Protein backbone atom coordinates (compact mmCIF):
# COMPACT_ATOMS: atom_id res chain seq x y z
CA MET A 1 -13.49 -1.56 13.04
CA GLY A 2 -13.77 1.29 15.56
CA ILE A 3 -10.66 0.41 17.55
CA PHE A 4 -8.75 -0.31 14.32
CA PHE A 5 -9.33 3.22 13.09
CA GLU A 6 -8.48 4.63 16.51
CA ILE A 7 -5.14 2.82 16.34
CA HIS A 8 -4.54 4.10 12.82
CA LYS A 9 -5.87 7.62 13.33
CA ASP A 10 -3.33 10.25 12.26
CA LEU A 11 -0.62 7.74 11.32
CA PRO A 12 1.54 9.21 8.52
CA ARG A 13 1.04 6.03 6.45
CA GLU A 14 -1.26 3.03 6.44
CA GLY A 15 1.53 0.63 5.60
CA PRO A 16 5.28 0.43 5.06
CA GLY A 17 6.75 2.96 2.64
CA SER A 18 8.85 6.10 2.32
CA HIS A 19 9.54 9.01 0.02
CA ALA A 20 12.87 7.44 -0.95
CA SER A 21 11.23 4.18 -1.99
CA MET A 22 8.59 6.07 -3.97
CA LEU A 23 11.33 7.98 -5.82
CA LYS A 24 13.17 4.73 -6.55
CA ALA A 25 10.02 3.17 -7.96
CA LEU A 26 9.30 6.22 -10.12
CA SER A 27 12.89 6.24 -11.40
CA LEU A 28 12.37 2.71 -12.74
CA LEU A 29 9.27 3.75 -14.71
CA LYS A 30 11.37 5.40 -17.39
CA GLU A 31 8.60 5.50 -20.02
CA LEU A 32 6.00 7.14 -17.77
CA PRO A 33 4.74 10.23 -19.66
CA ALA A 34 4.90 13.69 -18.15
CA HIS A 35 1.74 14.85 -16.38
CA SER A 36 0.44 11.29 -16.23
CA SER A 37 -3.04 10.21 -15.26
CA ILE A 38 -2.60 8.18 -12.06
CA LEU A 39 -4.94 6.08 -9.93
CA ASP A 40 -3.82 5.64 -6.31
CA VAL A 41 -5.73 2.62 -4.98
CA GLY A 42 -6.21 2.35 -1.22
CA CYS A 43 -4.61 5.75 -0.73
CA GLY A 44 -5.17 5.92 3.05
CA PRO A 45 -4.11 9.29 4.49
CA GLY A 46 -2.36 9.99 1.20
CA LYS A 47 1.20 10.91 2.08
CA GLN A 48 2.37 9.13 -1.07
CA THR A 49 -0.47 10.71 -3.10
CA ILE A 50 0.75 14.22 -2.38
CA ALA A 51 4.33 13.19 -3.10
CA LEU A 52 3.28 11.62 -6.40
CA ALA A 53 1.50 14.82 -7.39
CA LYS A 54 4.61 16.87 -6.69
CA GLU A 55 7.05 14.48 -8.37
CA THR A 56 5.05 13.67 -11.50
CA GLY A 57 2.95 16.78 -12.08
CA GLY A 58 0.20 14.32 -12.89
CA ALA A 59 -3.55 14.23 -12.31
CA ILE A 60 -4.27 11.72 -9.55
CA VAL A 61 -7.49 10.00 -8.55
CA ALA A 62 -7.10 8.76 -4.96
CA VAL A 63 -9.58 6.12 -3.79
CA ASP A 64 -10.27 4.71 -0.35
CA THR A 65 -13.33 3.60 1.61
CA HIS A 66 -12.55 5.45 4.87
CA GLN A 67 -13.88 8.97 4.45
CA PRO A 68 -11.78 10.54 7.24
CA PHE A 69 -8.65 9.50 5.31
CA LEU A 70 -10.00 11.21 2.20
CA ASP A 71 -11.03 14.34 4.10
CA GLY A 72 -7.56 14.59 5.61
CA LEU A 73 -5.94 14.06 2.23
CA GLU A 74 -7.99 16.87 0.70
CA ARG A 75 -6.95 19.20 3.50
CA ARG A 76 -3.26 18.31 3.25
CA ALA A 77 -3.35 18.58 -0.56
CA ARG A 78 -4.61 22.15 -0.22
CA GLU A 79 -1.86 22.93 2.28
CA ALA A 80 0.73 21.42 -0.07
CA GLY A 81 -0.55 23.38 -3.08
CA VAL A 82 -1.50 20.30 -5.13
CA ALA A 83 -5.26 20.20 -4.56
CA ASP A 84 -5.93 20.91 -8.24
CA GLN A 85 -4.06 17.70 -9.15
CA ILE A 86 -5.83 15.32 -6.74
CA THR A 87 -9.41 14.06 -6.86
CA VAL A 88 -10.48 11.95 -3.89
CA THR A 89 -13.19 9.31 -4.33
CA ASN A 90 -14.81 7.04 -1.75
CA MET A 91 -14.79 3.77 -3.65
CA SER A 92 -13.92 0.15 -2.98
CA MET A 93 -10.91 -1.21 -4.82
CA ASP A 94 -12.90 -4.24 -5.97
CA ALA A 95 -15.55 -2.02 -7.58
CA LEU A 96 -13.54 0.65 -9.37
CA ALA A 97 -15.86 2.42 -11.79
CA PHE A 98 -13.45 3.86 -14.36
CA PRO A 99 -13.46 3.38 -18.15
CA GLU A 100 -10.98 1.06 -19.79
CA GLU A 101 -7.53 2.53 -20.49
CA SER A 102 -8.09 5.51 -18.18
CA PHE A 103 -4.68 5.66 -16.49
CA ASP A 104 -1.01 5.84 -17.40
CA LEU A 105 -0.20 4.41 -13.98
CA ILE A 106 -2.02 2.52 -11.25
CA TRP A 107 -0.23 2.91 -7.94
CA SER A 108 -1.01 1.02 -4.73
CA GLU A 109 1.10 0.82 -1.59
CA GLY A 110 0.27 -1.77 1.05
CA ALA A 111 -3.32 -2.30 -0.09
CA ILE A 112 -3.59 -4.86 -2.90
CA TYR A 113 -3.55 -7.69 -0.34
CA ILE A 114 -7.17 -6.74 0.50
CA MET A 115 -8.23 -8.15 -2.88
CA GLY A 116 -5.33 -10.54 -3.24
CA PHE A 117 -2.28 -9.89 -5.38
CA ALA A 118 -3.39 -11.88 -8.42
CA GLU A 119 -7.00 -10.71 -8.30
CA GLY A 120 -6.02 -7.07 -7.94
CA LEU A 121 -3.62 -7.19 -10.89
CA ARG A 122 -6.19 -8.89 -13.11
CA THR A 123 -9.08 -6.65 -12.09
CA TRP A 124 -7.21 -3.37 -12.47
CA ARG A 125 -5.44 -4.21 -15.76
CA PRO A 126 -8.25 -3.05 -18.13
CA MET A 127 -8.07 0.44 -16.60
CA VAL A 128 -4.37 0.77 -17.48
CA LYS A 129 -3.59 2.25 -20.89
CA ILE A 130 -1.82 0.04 -23.41
CA ASP A 131 1.87 0.22 -22.44
CA GLY A 132 0.82 1.94 -19.22
CA HIS A 133 2.24 0.93 -15.87
CA ILE A 134 1.33 -0.56 -12.54
CA ALA A 135 3.33 -0.10 -9.33
CA VAL A 136 2.24 -2.01 -6.24
CA THR A 137 3.76 -3.19 -2.99
CA GLU A 138 2.97 -6.65 -1.67
CA ILE A 139 4.10 -8.40 1.50
CA THR A 140 6.39 -11.21 0.39
CA TRP A 141 8.39 -14.08 1.84
CA LEU A 142 12.09 -13.16 1.48
CA LYS A 143 13.59 -16.40 2.78
CA SER A 144 12.46 -20.00 2.88
CA GLU A 145 11.65 -21.93 6.04
CA PRO A 146 10.71 -19.07 8.38
CA PRO A 147 10.66 -19.82 12.12
CA ASP A 148 7.51 -21.54 13.34
CA GLU A 149 6.19 -18.54 15.27
CA CYS A 150 6.53 -16.29 12.23
CA LYS A 151 5.00 -18.86 9.87
CA ARG A 152 2.04 -19.51 12.18
CA TYR A 153 1.36 -15.81 12.54
CA TRP A 154 1.32 -15.06 8.82
CA ASP A 155 -0.50 -18.28 7.96
CA THR A 156 -3.31 -16.82 10.07
CA GLU A 157 -3.04 -13.15 9.09
CA TYR A 158 -2.21 -13.48 5.38
CA PRO A 159 -2.05 -17.08 4.19
CA ALA A 160 -1.77 -15.89 0.57
CA MET A 161 1.74 -14.48 1.14
CA ARG A 162 4.11 -15.81 -1.55
CA THR A 163 7.74 -15.56 -2.52
CA ALA A 164 8.98 -12.96 -5.00
CA THR A 165 9.50 -15.68 -7.60
CA GLU A 166 5.87 -16.75 -7.24
CA ASN A 167 4.66 -13.17 -7.43
CA LEU A 168 6.67 -12.48 -10.58
CA HIS A 169 4.93 -15.43 -12.19
CA ILE A 170 1.58 -13.91 -11.16
CA VAL A 171 2.55 -10.53 -12.64
CA ARG A 172 3.31 -12.09 -16.02
CA GLY A 173 0.26 -14.33 -15.89
CA ALA A 174 -1.98 -11.32 -15.29
CA GLY A 175 -0.90 -9.74 -18.59
CA TYR A 176 2.02 -7.52 -17.61
CA GLU A 177 5.66 -7.29 -18.59
CA LEU A 178 7.89 -7.01 -15.53
CA ILE A 179 9.99 -3.85 -15.39
CA ASP A 180 11.72 -4.37 -12.04
CA TYR A 181 11.14 -5.10 -8.38
CA PHE A 182 12.88 -4.32 -5.10
CA THR A 183 12.42 -4.91 -1.38
CA LEU A 184 11.57 -1.93 0.79
CA PRO A 185 14.20 -1.27 3.48
CA ASP A 186 13.23 -2.14 7.03
CA ALA A 187 13.16 1.55 7.99
CA ASP A 188 10.10 1.87 5.74
CA TRP A 189 8.20 -0.29 8.23
CA TRP A 190 9.14 1.77 11.27
CA ASP A 191 9.62 5.47 10.55
CA ASP A 192 6.11 6.39 9.41
CA TYR A 193 4.17 3.26 10.39
CA TYR A 194 5.09 0.92 13.23
CA THR A 195 6.82 3.47 15.49
CA PRO A 196 3.89 5.92 15.53
CA MET A 197 1.51 2.95 15.74
CA GLU A 198 3.21 1.66 18.88
CA GLU A 199 3.00 5.13 20.42
CA ARG A 200 -0.70 5.22 19.60
CA ILE A 201 -1.27 1.74 21.08
CA ALA A 202 0.38 2.83 24.35
CA LEU A 203 -1.94 5.82 24.63
CA LEU A 204 -5.03 3.74 23.88
CA ARG A 205 -4.07 1.17 26.53
CA GLU A 206 -4.52 3.89 29.12
CA GLN A 207 -7.80 5.06 27.60
CA TYR A 208 -9.27 1.54 27.37
CA ALA A 209 -7.70 0.01 30.48
CA ASP A 210 -11.11 -1.23 31.67
CA ASP A 211 -12.26 -2.60 28.30
CA PRO A 212 -11.05 -6.21 27.83
CA GLU A 213 -12.16 -6.42 24.18
CA ALA A 214 -10.32 -3.21 23.28
CA ILE A 215 -7.21 -4.46 25.07
CA ARG A 216 -7.42 -7.73 23.13
CA LEU A 217 -7.47 -5.81 19.84
CA LEU A 218 -4.60 -3.58 20.96
CA ASP A 219 -2.61 -6.70 21.85
CA ALA A 220 -3.25 -8.08 18.35
CA SER A 221 -1.88 -4.91 16.75
CA GLN A 222 1.13 -4.96 19.06
CA MET A 223 1.75 -8.60 18.11
CA GLU A 224 2.15 -7.56 14.48
CA THR A 225 4.96 -5.13 15.34
CA ASP A 226 6.58 -7.62 17.71
CA ILE A 227 6.61 -10.33 15.04
CA HIS A 228 8.26 -7.97 12.58
CA ARG A 229 10.82 -6.86 15.12
CA LYS A 230 11.84 -10.49 15.61
CA TYR A 231 11.51 -11.88 12.08
CA SER A 232 11.94 -9.06 9.55
CA ALA A 233 14.68 -10.99 7.77
CA TRP A 234 12.13 -13.54 6.57
CA TYR A 235 9.50 -11.26 5.02
CA GLY A 236 9.03 -7.72 3.78
CA TYR A 237 7.22 -5.51 1.34
CA VAL A 238 8.36 -5.72 -2.27
CA PHE A 239 7.65 -3.05 -4.89
CA TYR A 240 6.58 -4.70 -8.17
CA LEU A 241 6.73 -2.50 -11.27
CA ALA A 242 5.26 -3.66 -14.56
CA ARG A 243 3.92 -2.54 -17.94
CA ARG A 244 0.57 -3.58 -19.39
CA ALA A 245 1.25 -5.91 -22.25
CA GLY A 246 -0.89 -6.12 -25.37
CA ALA A 247 -4.52 -5.16 -25.89
């Protein structure tokens, strides 16, 4: 994982997203109480965590397993004046140790795929308060019959990718009532994620020019951006917003 974290070091985000998309998602959670208790799962460097703290006034627990991300988030939270709202915790998303009905909102951008969409929704549901909310982004097929190169790539990298219709069925089957969903604009992939990643890859190619294994891993990361540049019409990240139903 060493080269992975070198590629991702100091990226503004660890996946597609933007402040505008976060605000749109929050605007759809009309029943979210003021000063909510929020769990940010797979927070990464925490750009969205700090924004959530500012926009909601809530108390946020931010979890990730990469300590440098959490250390950086703590530092930036102090600089942003929201450190008293954010608690960082080094914890795996598949072993979240929080009591039942702890949170008004569970938020996760670009991370639930690690567990799998269905498994994450089912596993996290008991920690959501009755009538509380969940807001997650998941990579999703947007059109049927993608080109062969695109299909082969994602069949290898994330074979569990589904259509929005399939994911909505999963949301309901996991015990939630759908509120809304929307596709992130393509700029959300590039501005804070792929563009700085490509710049980082170019620098690392010079540093590791004599290391074939490192170059192989850099090529794999570059392939991801190249595939998206060619085939973004066929897949994207979708924000799914739902309410916990029943007891």
